[in-house]
Amino acid sequence: MTIIKTGQTPEIAVREERDQQTLLKNIEQLDISYEEARMDQTILFAESLVKDESTVIHIFTDALAREALAAKTDQSFVVHANEDNLVNASIRQFGLSQSDNGLRAIVQVVNESEETMKGTVSLSAGDVSKEAELELPAGEDLLVPFEDLPVEDLWTAEINVEDDYKVDNRMLSFVQQESTGVVIDSSLHSLLAKGFESIGMEAATADPMQLAERTGSMLATNQTELIESDSPILLIGRNDVQATEVSGLIETAAHPLFTYADLENVYVSALYPGFTAYETIAEIDGKPFIQISPKGDIVILSDIQSTNWPLDPSFPLFLWSAADELSGNEAFLGYFQPNEHRSVPACF
């Protein structure tokens, strides 16, 4: 007997085993993975292991569409379905969006049973909670809105009903502060805009005198006076001092901005003086090249035209990392599916 577990990727638990105790032990060790079943893919995988016509494939499931086996004429299947009519309600979707008075939330609740269900749906974040009555007709879904919620990063939605499966009664949603794009000082080199466009960002240019009015978006400029503004700033060069010639290799510190951007082949011919209270994360001959302000703004102490950086693959990668950090998204890794594996950059 061969036992195959379903999931995003079918997995063999035991293969061509004859010992009954070994088989029972492996069956007892099976647990819920919460992954999408992908039954069609698993059936195809099981068929690939069949060696002769006498093999029978047994499918153990709570539900299986007839179409999944409709064209399977060369193989014997036995379906073992769940005979109990389980009562279940679940949260299918939970989303948050900004509004004029805070946050707005919508919870989609689904009744997957054959009887009407009553209960409540609640939202909570920190010490804040809100609740609404819930009545779900059999086999239907309902959208439950919540208005004027305070701005919190992480919210939990939960339905309180009497059902047979509790895991899908709770869902979390993160309020991601998405970047609306970048506004670039028109006095900067045009290669900067092309660099941002190459990573899929909306890049708009604006007159230097109008940048102070462009709040909310990330600003790329050389105007040092804008460092104190509320907008996230990528300062490239300086408009208040003169640059001096420099030579030498770039030395970088351990920082997320350099996770993907290697500056080994970047040449810089001139640098502006650094800011004394800022953190230096890259330098040339002991002089600051890239700094981070106490507010989190990023400072590049050279004009683009004084470097060969736009010709190096690290240039768009650095812009991507800078935009990610300035938009605040570096704290949010995204949504993970059950048992999903993903590489996450980390610097220590």
C-alpha atoms as a PDB file:
ATOM      1  CA  MET A   1       0.000   0.000   0.000  1.00  0.00           C
ATOM      2  CA  THR A   2       1.112   3.539  -0.814  1.00  0.00           C
ATOM      3  CA  ILE A   3      -0.324   6.495   1.119  1.00  0.00           C
ATOM      4  CA  ILE A   4      -0.326   9.955  -0.517  1.00  0.00           C
ATOM      5  CA  LYS A   5      -1.163  13.173   1.321  1.00  0.00           C
ATOM      6  CA  THR A   6      -2.922  15.955  -0.571  1.00  0.00           C
ATOM      7  CA  GLY A   7      -1.884  19.597  -0.485  1.00  0.00           C
ATOM      8  CA  GLN A   8      -0.239  22.232  -2.629  1.00  0.00           C
ATOM      9  CA  THR A   9       2.210  19.486  -3.555  1.00  0.00           C
ATOM     10  CA  PRO A  10       1.266  15.779  -3.168  1.00  0.00           C
ATOM     11  CA  GLU A  11       3.495  13.995  -0.693  1.00  0.00           C
ATOM     12  CA  ILE A  12       4.113  10.276  -0.227  1.00  0.00           C
ATOM     13  CA  ALA A  13       3.706   9.299   3.438  1.00  0.00           C
ATOM     14  CA  VAL A  14       4.617   5.650   2.872  1.00  0.00           C
ATOM     15  CA  ARG A  15       5.333   3.723  -0.331  1.00  0.00           C
ATOM     16  CA  GLU A  16       4.663   0.069  -1.215  1.00  0.00           C
ATOM     17  CA  GLU A  17       4.450  -0.969   2.410  1.00  0.00           C
ATOM     18  CA  ARG A  18       3.081  -4.400   3.400  1.00  0.00           C
ATOM     19  CA  ASP A  19       3.449  -4.287   7.187  1.00  0.00           C
ATOM     20  CA  GLN A  20       0.097  -3.438   8.771  1.00  0.00           C
ATOM     21  CA  GLN A  21       1.556  -1.880  11.927  1.00  0.00           C
ATOM     22  CA  THR A  22       3.763   0.433   9.878  1.00  0.00           C
ATOM     23  CA  LEU A  23       0.774   1.490   7.791  1.00  0.00           C
ATOM     24  CA  LEU A  24      -1.398   2.157  10.853  1.00  0.00           C
ATOM     25  CA  LYS A  25       1.378   4.163  12.494  1.00  0.00           C
ATOM     26  CA  ASN A  26       1.736   6.389   9.429  1.00  0.00           C
ATOM     27  CA  ILE A  27      -2.015   6.899   9.219  1.00  0.00           C
ATOM     28  CA  GLU A  28      -2.162   7.931  12.884  1.00  0.00           C
ATOM     29  CA  GLN A  29       0.620  10.456  12.262  1.00  0.00           C
ATOM     30  CA  LEU A  30      -1.305  12.243   9.504  1.00  0.00           C
ATOM     31  CA  ASP A  31      -2.396  15.717  10.551  1.00  0.00           C
ATOM     32  CA  ILE A  32      -4.218  18.710   9.071  1.00  0.00           C
ATOM     33  CA  SER A  33      -2.044  20.970   6.936  1.00  0.00           C
ATOM     34  CA  TYR A  34      -4.753  23.568   6.060  1.00  0.00           C
ATOM     35  CA  GLU A  35      -3.396  23.680   2.515  1.00  0.00           C
ATOM     36  CA  GLU A  36      -5.597  23.701  -0.574  1.00  0.00           C
ATOM     37  CA  ALA A  37      -6.297  20.042  -1.385  1.00  0.00           C
ATOM     38  CA  ARG A  38      -5.424  20.207  -5.125  1.00  0.00           C
ATOM     39  CA  MET A  39      -7.209  16.859  -5.533  1.00  0.00           C
ATOM     40  CA  ASP A  40      -6.929  16.783  -9.351  1.00  0.00           C
ATOM     41  CA  GLN A  41      -3.167  17.119  -9.106  1.00  0.00           C
ATOM     42  CA  THR A  42      -2.980  14.448  -6.391  1.00  0.00           C
ATOM     43  CA  ILE A  43      -5.038  11.972  -8.446  1.00  0.00           C
ATOM     44  CA  LEU A  44      -2.707  12.447 -11.423  1.00  0.00           C
ATOM     45  CA  PHE A  45       0.268  11.895  -9.133  1.00  0.00           C
ATOM     46  CA  ALA A  46      -1.288   8.701  -7.739  1.00  0.00           C
ATOM     47  CA  GLU A  47      -1.915   7.403 -11.287  1.00  0.00           C
ATOM     48  CA  SER A  48       1.753   7.909 -12.125  1.00  0.00           C
ATOM     49  CA  LEU A  49       2.676   5.441  -9.361  1.00  0.00           C
ATOM     50  CA  VAL A  50       0.379   2.668 -10.629  1.00  0.00           C
ATOM     51  CA  LYS A  51       2.327  -0.365 -11.882  1.00  0.00           C
ATOM     52  CA  ASP A  52      -0.412  -2.753 -13.026  1.00  0.00           C
ATOM     53  CA  GLU A  53      -4.139  -2.930 -13.739  1.00  0.00           C
ATOM     54  CA  SER A  54      -4.942  -4.623 -10.430  1.00  0.00           C
ATOM     55  CA  THR A  55      -4.077  -1.468  -8.452  1.00  0.00           C
ATOM     56  CA  VAL A  56      -7.026   0.314  -6.841  1.00  0.00           C
ATOM     57  CA  ILE A  57      -6.822   3.987  -5.823  1.00  0.00           C
ATOM     58  CA  HIS A  58      -8.859   4.822  -2.699  1.00  0.00           C
ATOM     59  CA  ILE A  59      -9.707   8.501  -2.176  1.00  0.00           C
ATOM     60  CA  PHE A  60     -10.578   9.646   1.354  1.00  0.00           C
ATOM     61  CA  THR A  61     -12.221  13.074   1.314  1.00  0.00           C
ATOM     62  CA  ASP A  62     -15.137  15.087   2.658  1.00  0.00           C
ATOM     63  CA  ALA A  63     -16.138  16.159  -0.862  1.00  0.00           C
ATOM     64  CA  LEU A  64     -15.129  15.361  -4.428  1.00  0.00           C
ATOM     65  CA  ALA A  65     -16.709  16.620  -7.652  1.00  0.00           C
ATOM     66  CA  ARG A  66     -17.838  13.837  -9.990  1.00  0.00           C
ATOM     67  CA  GLU A  67     -16.015  15.562 -12.846  1.00  0.00           C
ATOM     68  CA  ALA A  68     -12.685  14.743 -11.184  1.00  0.00           C
ATOM     69  CA  LEU A  69     -13.110  11.060 -12.115  1.00  0.00           C
ATOM     70  CA  ALA A  70     -15.349  11.362 -15.184  1.00  0.00           C
ATOM     71  CA  ALA A  71     -12.582  10.642 -17.688  1.00  0.00           C
ATOM     72  CA  LYS A  72     -10.753   8.050 -15.578  1.00  0.00           C
ATOM     73  CA  THR A  73     -11.675   4.882 -17.483  1.00  0.00           C
ATOM     74  CA  ASP A  74      -8.357   3.038 -17.273  1.00  0.00           C
ATOM     75  CA  GLN A  75      -8.120   2.962 -13.493  1.00  0.00           C
ATOM     76  CA  SER A  76     -10.196   1.677 -10.566  1.00  0.00           C
ATOM     77  CA  PHE A  77     -11.179   4.263  -7.949  1.00  0.00           C
ATOM     78  CA  VAL A  78     -13.038   3.941  -4.658  1.00  0.00           C
ATOM     79  CA  VAL A  79     -14.174   7.193  -3.018  1.00  0.00           C
ATOM     80  CA  HIS A  80     -14.645   7.250   0.754  1.00  0.00           C
ATOM     81  CA  ALA A  81     -16.598  10.423   1.493  1.00  0.00           C
ATOM     82  CA  ASN A  82     -17.692  11.926   4.805  1.00  0.00           C
ATOM     83  CA  GLU A  83     -21.221  10.703   5.502  1.00  0.00           C
ATOM     84  CA  ASP A  84     -21.884  13.227   8.281  1.00  0.00           C
ATOM     85  CA  ASN A  85     -23.524  16.539   7.374  1.00  0.00           C
ATOM     86  CA  LEU A  86     -21.244  18.871   9.259  1.00  0.00           C
ATOM     87  CA  VAL A  87     -22.454  22.322  10.313  1.00  0.00           C
ATOM     88  CA  ASN A  88     -19.955  25.013   9.405  1.00  0.00           C
ATOM     89  CA  ALA A  89     -19.733  28.768   8.906  1.00  0.00           C
ATOM     90  CA  SER A  90     -16.524  30.502   7.916  1.00  0.00           C
ATOM     91  CA  ILE A  91     -14.921  33.848   7.156  1.00  0.00           C
ATOM     92  CA  ARG A  92     -14.048  33.816   3.479  1.00  0.00           C
ATOM     93  CA  GLN A  93     -12.608  37.339   3.182  1.00  0.00           C
ATOM     94  CA  PHE A  94     -11.713  40.181   5.532  1.00  0.00           C
ATOM     95  CA  GLY A  95     -10.518  43.506   4.127  1.00  0.00           C
ATOM     96  CA  LEU A  96      -9.649  46.959   5.444  1.00  0.00           C
ATOM     97  CA  SER A  97      -9.492  50.288   3.637  1.00  0.00           C
ATOM     98  CA  GLN A  98      -8.851  53.911   4.560  1.00  0.00           C
ATOM     99  CA  SER A  99     -11.813  56.291   4.846  1.00  0.00           C
ATOM    100  CA  ASP A 100     -12.284  59.944   5.836  1.00  0.00           C
ATOM    101  CA  ASN A 101     -13.101  58.897   9.411  1.00  0.00           C
ATOM    102  CA  GLY A 102     -10.548  56.155   9.974  1.00  0.00           C
ATOM    103  CA  LEU A 103     -10.801  52.614   8.660  1.00  0.00           C
ATOM    104  CA  ARG A 104     -13.619  50.729   6.981  1.00  0.00           C
ATOM    105  CA  ALA A 105     -13.829  46.937   7.207  1.00  0.00           C
ATOM    106  CA  ILE A 106     -15.870  44.335   5.348  1.00  0.00           C
ATOM    107  CA  VAL A 107     -16.153  40.732   6.542  1.00  0.00           C
ATOM    108  CA  GLN A 108     -17.545  38.108   4.156  1.00  0.00           C
ATOM    109  CA  VAL A 109     -19.131  35.255   6.123  1.00  0.00           C
ATOM    110  CA  VAL A 110     -20.310  32.033   4.472  1.00  0.00           C
ATOM    111  CA  ASN A 111     -22.786  29.428   5.750  1.00  0.00           C
ATOM    112  CA  GLU A 112     -21.658  26.088   4.312  1.00  0.00           C
ATOM    113  CA  SER A 113     -24.342  24.036   6.042  1.00  0.00           C
ATOM    114  CA  GLU A 114     -27.982  23.203   5.310  1.00  0.00           C
ATOM    115  CA  GLU A 115     -29.520  25.186   8.143  1.00  0.00           C
ATOM    116  CA  THR A 116     -29.752  28.821   9.202  1.00  0.00           C
ATOM    117  CA  MET A 117     -27.065  29.887  11.651  1.00  0.00           C
ATOM    118  CA  LYS A 118     -27.102  32.753  14.159  1.00  0.00           C
ATOM    119  CA  GLY A 119     -24.275  34.346  16.067  1.00  0.00           C
ATOM    120  CA  THR A 120     -22.058  37.432  16.075  1.00  0.00           C
ATOM    121  CA  VAL A 121     -19.097  38.768  14.119  1.00  0.00           C
ATOM    122  CA  SER A 122     -16.547  40.830  16.032  1.00  0.00           C
ATOM    123  CA  LEU A 123     -13.548  42.968  15.143  1.00  0.00           C
ATOM    124  CA  SER A 124     -10.699  43.698  17.521  1.00  0.00           C
ATOM    125  CA  ALA A 125      -7.361  45.499  17.553  1.00  0.00           C
ATOM    126  CA  GLY A 126      -5.515  46.144  20.797  1.00  0.00           C
ATOM    127  CA  ASP A 127      -8.062  47.417  23.310  1.00  0.00           C
ATOM    128  CA  VAL A 128     -10.644  48.270  20.624  1.00  0.00           C
ATOM    129  CA  SER A 129     -13.474  45.897  19.707  1.00  0.00           C
ATOM    130  CA  LYS A 130     -16.740  46.076  17.771  1.00  0.00           C
ATOM    131  CA  GLU A 131     -19.484  43.487  17.341  1.00  0.00           C
ATOM    132  CA  ALA A 132     -22.467  42.912  15.043  1.00  0.00           C
ATOM    133  CA  GLU A 133     -25.321  40.408  15.090  1.00  0.00           C
ATOM    134  CA  LEU A 134     -25.188  37.680  12.460  1.00  0.00           C
ATOM    135  CA  GLU A 135     -27.899  35.567  10.824  1.00  0.00           C
ATOM    136  CA  LEU A 136     -26.862  33.360   7.921  1.00  0.00           C
ATOM    137  CA  PRO A 137     -29.400  31.548   5.725  1.00  0.00           C
ATOM    138  CA  ALA A 138     -28.399  28.038   4.681  1.00  0.00           C
ATOM    139  CA  GLY A 139     -25.837  27.924   1.871  1.00  0.00           C
ATOM    140  CA  GLU A 140     -25.531  31.700   1.526  1.00  0.00           C
ATOM    141  CA  ASP A 141     -22.901  34.341   2.242  1.00  0.00           C
ATOM    142  CA  LEU A 142     -23.204  37.751   3.873  1.00  0.00           C
ATOM    143  CA  LEU A 143     -21.116  40.939   3.806  1.00  0.00           C
ATOM    144  CA  VAL A 144     -20.835  42.584   7.232  1.00  0.00           C
ATOM    145  CA  PRO A 145     -19.474  46.184   7.119  1.00  0.00           C
ATOM    146  CA  PHE A 146     -17.841  48.116   9.959  1.00  0.00           C
ATOM    147  CA  GLU A 147     -17.343  51.871   9.710  1.00  0.00           C
ATOM    148  CA  ASP A 148     -15.232  54.530  11.480  1.00  0.00           C
ATOM    149  CA  LEU A 149     -12.679  52.160  12.995  1.00  0.00           C
ATOM    150  CA  PRO A 150      -9.591  53.669  14.622  1.00  0.00           C
ATOM    151  CA  VAL A 151      -6.343  53.340  12.675  1.00  0.00           C
ATOM    152  CA  GLU A 152      -4.524  50.241  13.953  1.00  0.00           C
ATOM    153  CA  ASP A 153      -2.023  48.106  12.039  1.00  0.00           C
ATOM    154  CA  LEU A 154      -3.484  44.666  12.775  1.00  0.00           C
ATOM    155  CA  TRP A 155      -7.166  43.706  13.074  1.00  0.00           C
ATOM    156  CA  THR A 156      -8.795  40.372  13.906  1.00  0.00           C
ATOM    157  CA  ALA A 157     -12.222  39.323  12.648  1.00  0.00           C
ATOM    158  CA  GLU A 158     -13.984  36.440  14.374  1.00  0.00           C
ATOM    159  CA  ILE A 159     -17.423  34.848  14.082  1.00  0.00           C
ATOM    160  CA  ASN A 160     -19.013  33.289  17.145  1.00  0.00           C
ATOM    161  CA  VAL A 161     -21.340  30.506  15.987  1.00  0.00           C
ATOM    162  CA  GLU A 162     -22.050  26.917  16.952  1.00  0.00           C
ATOM    163  CA  ASP A 163     -20.369  24.878  14.234  1.00  0.00           C
ATOM    164  CA  ASP A 164     -18.170  21.809  13.821  1.00  0.00           C
ATOM    165  CA  TYR A 165     -15.040  23.492  12.484  1.00  0.00           C
ATOM    166  CA  LYS A 166     -13.532  26.385  14.419  1.00  0.00           C
ATOM    167  CA  VAL A 167     -10.303  27.134  12.536  1.00  0.00           C
ATOM    168  CA  ASP A 168     -11.986  29.115   9.737  1.00  0.00           C
ATOM    169  CA  ASN A 169     -13.946  31.276  12.189  1.00  0.00           C
ATOM    170  CA  ARG A 170     -11.049  33.711  12.614  1.00  0.00           C
ATOM    171  CA  MET A 171      -9.041  35.831  10.179  1.00  0.00           C
ATOM    172  CA  LEU A 172      -6.445  38.598  10.506  1.00  0.00           C
ATOM    173  CA  SER A 173      -5.864  41.599   8.250  1.00  0.00           C
ATOM    174  CA  PHE A 174      -2.906  43.955   8.174  1.00  0.00           C
ATOM    175  CA  VAL A 175      -3.336  47.609   7.260  1.00  0.00           C
ATOM    176  CA  GLN A 176      -0.575  47.969   4.694  1.00  0.00           C
ATOM    177  CA  GLN A 177       0.547  51.525   4.013  1.00  0.00           C
ATOM    178  CA  GLU A 178       1.034  51.274   0.275  1.00  0.00           C
ATOM    179  CA  SER A 179       3.192  53.720  -1.612  1.00  0.00           C
ATOM    180  CA  THR A 180       1.283  55.911  -4.041  1.00  0.00           C
ATOM    181  CA  GLY A 181       4.389  56.325  -6.212  1.00  0.00           C
ATOM    182  CA  VAL A 182       7.285  58.738  -6.294  1.00  0.00           C
ATOM    183  CA  VAL A 183       7.449  62.437  -7.178  1.00  0.00           C
ATOM    184  CA  ILE A 184      10.832  63.355  -8.635  1.00  0.00           C
ATOM    185  CA  ASP A 185      12.450  66.779  -8.595  1.00  0.00           C
ATOM    186  CA  SER A 186      12.640  67.852 -12.254  1.00  0.00           C
ATOM    187  CA  SER A 187      16.164  69.220 -11.671  1.00  0.00           C
ATOM    188  CA  LEU A 188      17.486  65.668 -11.087  1.00  0.00           C
ATOM    189  CA  HIS A 189      18.833  63.485 -13.886  1.00  0.00           C
ATOM    190  CA  SER A 190      16.200  61.788 -16.071  1.00  0.00           C
ATOM    191  CA  LEU A 191      17.800  58.375 -15.449  1.00  0.00           C
ATOM    192  CA  LEU A 192      16.325  58.468 -11.954  1.00  0.00           C
ATOM    193  CA  ALA A 193      12.771  58.441 -13.305  1.00  0.00           C
ATOM    194  CA  LYS A 194      13.649  55.600 -15.678  1.00  0.00           C
ATOM    195  CA  GLY A 195      15.091  53.658 -12.763  1.00  0.00           C
ATOM    196  CA  PHE A 196      11.855  53.931 -10.772  1.00  0.00           C
ATOM    197  CA  GLU A 197       9.748  53.071 -13.820  1.00  0.00           C
ATOM    198  CA  SER A 198      11.836  49.943 -14.404  1.00  0.00           C
ATOM    199  CA  ILE A 199      10.717  48.570 -11.016  1.00  0.00           C
ATOM    200  CA  GLY A 200       7.065  49.269 -11.749  1.00  0.00           C
ATOM    201  CA  MET A 201       6.608  52.463  -9.723  1.00  0.00           C
ATOM    202  CA  GLU A 202       4.554  55.411 -10.885  1.00  0.00           C
ATOM    203  CA  ALA A 203       7.087  58.218 -11.332  1.00  0.00           C
ATOM    204  CA  ALA A 204       5.944  61.828 -11.772  1.00  0.00           C
ATOM    205  CA  THR A 205       8.218  64.848 -12.118  1.00  0.00           C
ATOM    206  CA  ALA A 206       7.471  68.185 -10.500  1.00  0.00           C
ATOM    207  CA  ASP A 207       9.019  71.632 -10.395  1.00  0.00           C
ATOM    208  CA  PRO A 208      11.342  72.051  -7.382  1.00  0.00           C
ATOM    209  CA  MET A 209       9.153  74.904  -6.105  1.00  0.00           C
ATOM    210  CA  GLN A 210       6.093  72.620  -6.008  1.00  0.00           C
ATOM    211  CA  LEU A 211       7.567  69.666  -4.135  1.00  0.00           C
ATOM    212  CA  ALA A 212       6.654  71.025  -0.697  1.00  0.00           C
ATOM    213  CA  GLU A 213       2.993  70.756  -1.688  1.00  0.00           C
ATOM    214  CA  ARG A 214       3.230  67.088  -2.757  1.00  0.00           C
ATOM    215  CA  THR A 215       2.548  65.478   0.610  1.00  0.00           C
ATOM    216  CA  GLY A 216       1.834  61.782   1.069  1.00  0.00           C
ATOM    217  CA  SER A 217       4.024  60.476  -1.737  1.00  0.00           C
ATOM    218  CA  MET A 218       7.681  59.603  -1.630  1.00  0.00           C
ATOM    219  CA  LEU A 219       9.817  62.547  -2.842  1.00  0.00           C
ATOM    220  CA  ALA A 220      13.152  62.246  -4.664  1.00  0.00           C
ATOM    221  CA  THR A 221      14.993  65.563  -4.549  1.00  0.00           C
ATOM    222  CA  ASN A 222      18.241  67.362  -3.681  1.00  0.00           C
ATOM    223  CA  GLN A 223      16.502  70.033  -1.556  1.00  0.00           C
ATOM    224  CA  THR A 224      17.794  69.514   1.967  1.00  0.00           C
ATOM    225  CA  GLU A 225      15.085  71.739   3.457  1.00  0.00           C
ATOM    226  CA  LEU A 226      12.483  69.105   2.576  1.00  0.00           C
ATOM    227  CA  ILE A 227      14.116  66.613   4.941  1.00  0.00           C
ATOM    228  CA  GLU A 228      12.016  68.086   7.753  1.00  0.00           C
ATOM    229  CA  SER A 229       8.723  67.562   5.882  1.00  0.00           C
ATOM    230  CA  ASP A 230       6.216  64.801   6.659  1.00  0.00           C
ATOM    231  CA  SER A 231       6.786  63.085   3.302  1.00  0.00           C
ATOM    232  CA  PRO A 232       9.321  60.240   2.985  1.00  0.00           C
ATOM    233  CA  ILE A 233      12.421  61.670   1.288  1.00  0.00           C
ATOM    234  CA  LEU A 234      15.075  60.143  -0.941  1.00  0.00           C
ATOM    235  CA  LEU A 235      17.682  62.924  -0.996  1.00  0.00           C
ATOM    236  CA  ILE A 236      20.071  62.600  -3.959  1.00  0.00           C
ATOM    237  CA  GLY A 237      22.784  65.241  -3.772  1.00  0.00           C
ATOM    238  CA  ARG A 238      22.473  68.525  -1.887  1.00  0.00           C
ATOM    239  CA  ASN A 239      21.476  72.030  -2.937  1.00  0.00           C
ATOM    240  CA  ASP A 240      23.083  73.847  -0.003  1.00  0.00           C
ATOM    241  CA  VAL A 241      26.794  72.888  -0.261  1.00  0.00           C
ATOM    242  CA  GLN A 242      29.416  72.046  -2.884  1.00  0.00           C
ATOM    243  CA  ALA A 243      30.681  68.561  -3.734  1.00  0.00           C
ATOM    244  CA  THR A 244      34.364  67.631  -3.612  1.00  0.00           C
ATOM    245  CA  GLU A 245      36.265  65.025  -5.602  1.00  0.00           C
ATOM    246  CA  VAL A 246      36.676  61.568  -4.140  1.00  0.00           C
ATOM    247  CA  SER A 247      38.159  58.235  -5.206  1.00  0.00           C
ATOM    248  CA  GLY A 248      38.128  54.798  -3.730  1.00  0.00           C
ATOM    249  CA  LEU A 249      35.863  51.797  -3.243  1.00  0.00           C
ATOM    250  CA  ILE A 250      32.440  51.911  -1.605  1.00  0.00           C
ATOM    251  CA  GLU A 251      32.230  50.192   1.765  1.00  0.00           C
ATOM    252  CA  THR A 252      28.734  49.261   2.965  1.00  0.00           C
ATOM    253  CA  ALA A 253      27.395  48.338   6.386  1.00  0.00           C
ATOM    254  CA  ALA A 254      24.885  45.547   7.060  1.00  0.00           C
ATOM    255  CA  HIS A 255      21.565  47.127   6.111  1.00  0.00           C
ATOM    256  CA  PRO A 256      18.381  45.954   4.312  1.00  0.00           C
ATOM    257  CA  LEU A 257      19.024  48.506   1.543  1.00  0.00           C
ATOM    258  CA  PHE A 258      21.971  46.394   0.375  1.00  0.00           C
ATOM    259  CA  THR A 259      20.280  42.996   0.574  1.00  0.00           C
ATOM    260  CA  TYR A 260      19.968  42.858  -3.206  1.00  0.00           C
ATOM    261  CA  ALA A 261      22.071  45.862  -4.277  1.00  0.00           C
ATOM    262  CA  ASP A 262      25.804  45.168  -4.390  1.00  0.00           C
ATOM    263  CA  LEU A 263      27.724  48.434  -4.917  1.00  0.00           C
ATOM    264  CA  GLU A 264      31.081  46.763  -5.590  1.00  0.00           C
ATOM    265  CA  ASN A 265      31.274  47.958  -9.221  1.00  0.00           C
ATOM    266  CA  VAL A 266      29.867  51.458  -8.633  1.00  0.00           C
ATOM    267  CA  TYR A 267      32.251  54.387  -9.190  1.00  0.00           C
ATOM    268  CA  VAL A 268      31.681  57.808  -7.574  1.00  0.00           C
ATOM    269  CA  SER A 269      33.733  60.861  -8.545  1.00  0.00           C
ATOM    270  CA  ALA A 270      32.383  63.493  -6.110  1.00  0.00           C
ATOM    271  CA  LEU A 271      30.656  63.596  -2.708  1.00  0.00           C
ATOM    272  CA  TYR A 272      28.762  66.201  -0.734  1.00  0.00           C
ATOM    273  CA  PRO A 273      29.459  66.614   2.992  1.00  0.00           C
ATOM    274  CA  GLY A 274      27.461  64.266   5.206  1.00  0.00           C
ATOM    275  CA  PHE A 275      24.987  65.120   7.967  1.00  0.00           C
ATOM    276  CA  THR A 276      26.521  64.851  11.415  1.00  0.00           C
ATOM    277  CA  ALA A 277      23.479  63.384  13.206  1.00  0.00           C
ATOM    278  CA  TYR A 278      22.680  60.802  10.517  1.00  0.00           C
ATOM    279  CA  GLU A 279      23.600  57.127  10.432  1.00  0.00           C
ATOM    280  CA  THR A 280      26.171  56.312   7.749  1.00  0.00           C
ATOM    281  CA  ILE A 281      25.569  52.967   6.001  1.00  0.00           C
ATOM    282  CA  ALA A 282      27.973  53.414   3.062  1.00  0.00           C
ATOM    283  CA  GLU A 283      31.177  55.410   2.758  1.00  0.00           C
ATOM    284  CA  ILE A 284      34.082  56.121   0.409  1.00  0.00           C
ATOM    285  CA  ASP A 285      37.550  56.763   1.826  1.00  0.00           C
ATOM    286  CA  GLY A 286      35.988  57.270   5.244  1.00  0.00           C
ATOM    287  CA  LYS A 287      33.529  59.877   3.952  1.00  0.00           C
ATOM    288  CA  PRO A 288      29.751  59.283   4.111  1.00  0.00           C
ATOM    289  CA  PHE A 289      28.133  58.226   0.837  1.00  0.00           C
ATOM    290  CA  ILE A 290      24.690  56.951   1.933  1.00  0.00           C
ATOM    291  CA  GLN A 291      23.053  57.967   5.210  1.00  0.00           C
ATOM    292  CA  ILE A 292      19.777  57.423   7.094  1.00  0.00           C
ATOM    293  CA  SER A 293      18.182  60.362   8.904  1.00  0.00           C
ATOM    294  CA  PRO A 294      16.651  59.992  12.394  1.00  0.00           C
ATOM    295  CA  LYS A 295      13.212  60.186  10.697  1.00  0.00           C
ATOM    296  CA  GLY A 296      14.153  57.341   8.349  1.00  0.00           C
ATOM    297  CA  ASP A 297      14.811  59.345   5.173  1.00  0.00           C
ATOM    298  CA  ILE A 298      17.532  58.067   2.831  1.00  0.00           C
ATOM    299  CA  VAL A 299      20.370  60.367   1.748  1.00  0.00           C
ATOM    300  CA  ILE A 300      22.703  59.716  -1.214  1.00  0.00           C
ATOM    301  CA  LEU A 301      25.513  62.269  -1.013  1.00  0.00           C
ATOM    302  CA  SER A 302      26.288  62.425  -4.721  1.00  0.00           C
ATOM    303  CA  ASP A 303      24.652  63.536  -7.938  1.00  0.00           C
ATOM    304  CA  ILE A 304      23.592  60.720 -10.265  1.00  0.00           C
ATOM    305  CA  GLN A 305      25.698  62.206 -13.066  1.00  0.00           C
ATOM    306  CA  SER A 306      28.778  61.987 -10.826  1.00  0.00           C
ATOM    307  CA  THR A 307      28.534  58.182 -10.746  1.00  0.00           C
ATOM    308  CA  ASN A 308      28.257  55.220 -13.123  1.00  0.00           C
ATOM    309  CA  TRP A 309      25.523  53.794 -10.897  1.00  0.00           C
ATOM    310  CA  PRO A 310      22.656  53.917 -13.455  1.00  0.00           C
ATOM    311  CA  LEU A 311      24.699  51.562 -15.655  1.00  0.00           C
ATOM    312  CA  ASP A 312      24.985  48.967 -12.892  1.00  0.00           C
ATOM    313  CA  PRO A 313      22.254  46.358 -12.139  1.00  0.00           C
ATOM    314  CA  SER A 314      22.325  47.414  -8.487  1.00  0.00           C
ATOM    315  CA  PHE A 315      20.747  50.794  -9.317  1.00  0.00           C
ATOM    316  CA  PRO A 316      17.103  49.690  -9.815  1.00  0.00           C
ATOM    317  CA  LEU A 317      17.501  47.121  -7.031  1.00  0.00           C
ATOM    318  CA  PHE A 318      18.594  49.860  -4.640  1.00  0.00           C
ATOM    319  CA  LEU A 319      15.684  52.084  -5.710  1.00  0.00           C
ATOM    320  CA  TRP A 320      13.283  49.185  -5.088  1.00  0.00           C
ATOM    321  CA  SER A 321      14.694  48.633  -1.584  1.00  0.00           C
ATOM    322  CA  ALA A 322      14.633  52.388  -0.869  1.00  0.00           C
ATOM    323  CA  ALA A 323      11.008  52.717  -1.981  1.00  0.00           C
ATOM    324  CA  ASP A 324      10.055  49.687   0.098  1.00  0.00           C
ATOM    325  CA  GLU A 325      11.728  51.087   3.207  1.00  0.00           C
ATOM    326  CA  LEU A 326      10.432  54.642   2.800  1.00  0.00           C
ATOM    327  CA  SER A 327       6.867  53.434   2.248  1.00  0.00           C
ATOM    328  CA  GLY A 328       6.946  51.479   5.493  1.00  0.00           C
ATOM    329  CA  ASN A 329       6.306  48.126   3.785  1.00  0.00           C
ATOM    330  CA  GLU A 330       9.480  46.561   5.117  1.00  0.00           C
ATOM    331  CA  ALA A 331       7.602  45.578   8.308  1.00  0.00           C
ATOM    332  CA  PHE A 332       4.908  43.761   6.339  1.00  0.00           C
ATOM    333  CA  LEU A 333       6.015  40.553   4.628  1.00  0.00           C
ATOM    334  CA  GLY A 334       2.711  39.886   2.890  1.00  0.00           C
ATOM    335  CA  TYR A 335       0.188  37.101   3.287  1.00  0.00           C
ATOM    336  CA  PHE A 336       1.413  33.510   3.517  1.00  0.00           C
ATOM    337  CA  GLN A 337      -0.545  30.443   2.457  1.00  0.00           C
ATOM    338  CA  PRO A 338      -0.448  27.390   4.760  1.00  0.00           C
ATOM    339  CA  ASN A 339       2.995  25.737   4.712  1.00  0.00           C
ATOM    340  CA  GLU A 340       4.268  28.244   2.146  1.00  0.00           C
ATOM    341  CA  HIS A 341       8.054  28.631   1.943  1.00  0.00           C
ATOM    342  CA  ARG A 342       9.482  32.031   1.051  1.00  0.00           C
ATOM    343  CA  SER A 343      12.901  33.683   1.187  1.00  0.00           C
ATOM    344  CA  VAL A 344      12.884  36.790   3.383  1.00  0.00           C
ATOM    345  CA  PRO A 345      15.871  39.174   3.483  1.00  0.00           C
ATOM    346  CA  ALA A 346      17.323  39.758   6.932  1.00  0.00           C
ATOM    347  CA  CYS A 347      20.262  41.790   8.109  1.00  0.00           C
ATOM    348  CA  PHE A 348      21.883  41.655  11.533  1.00  0.00           C
END
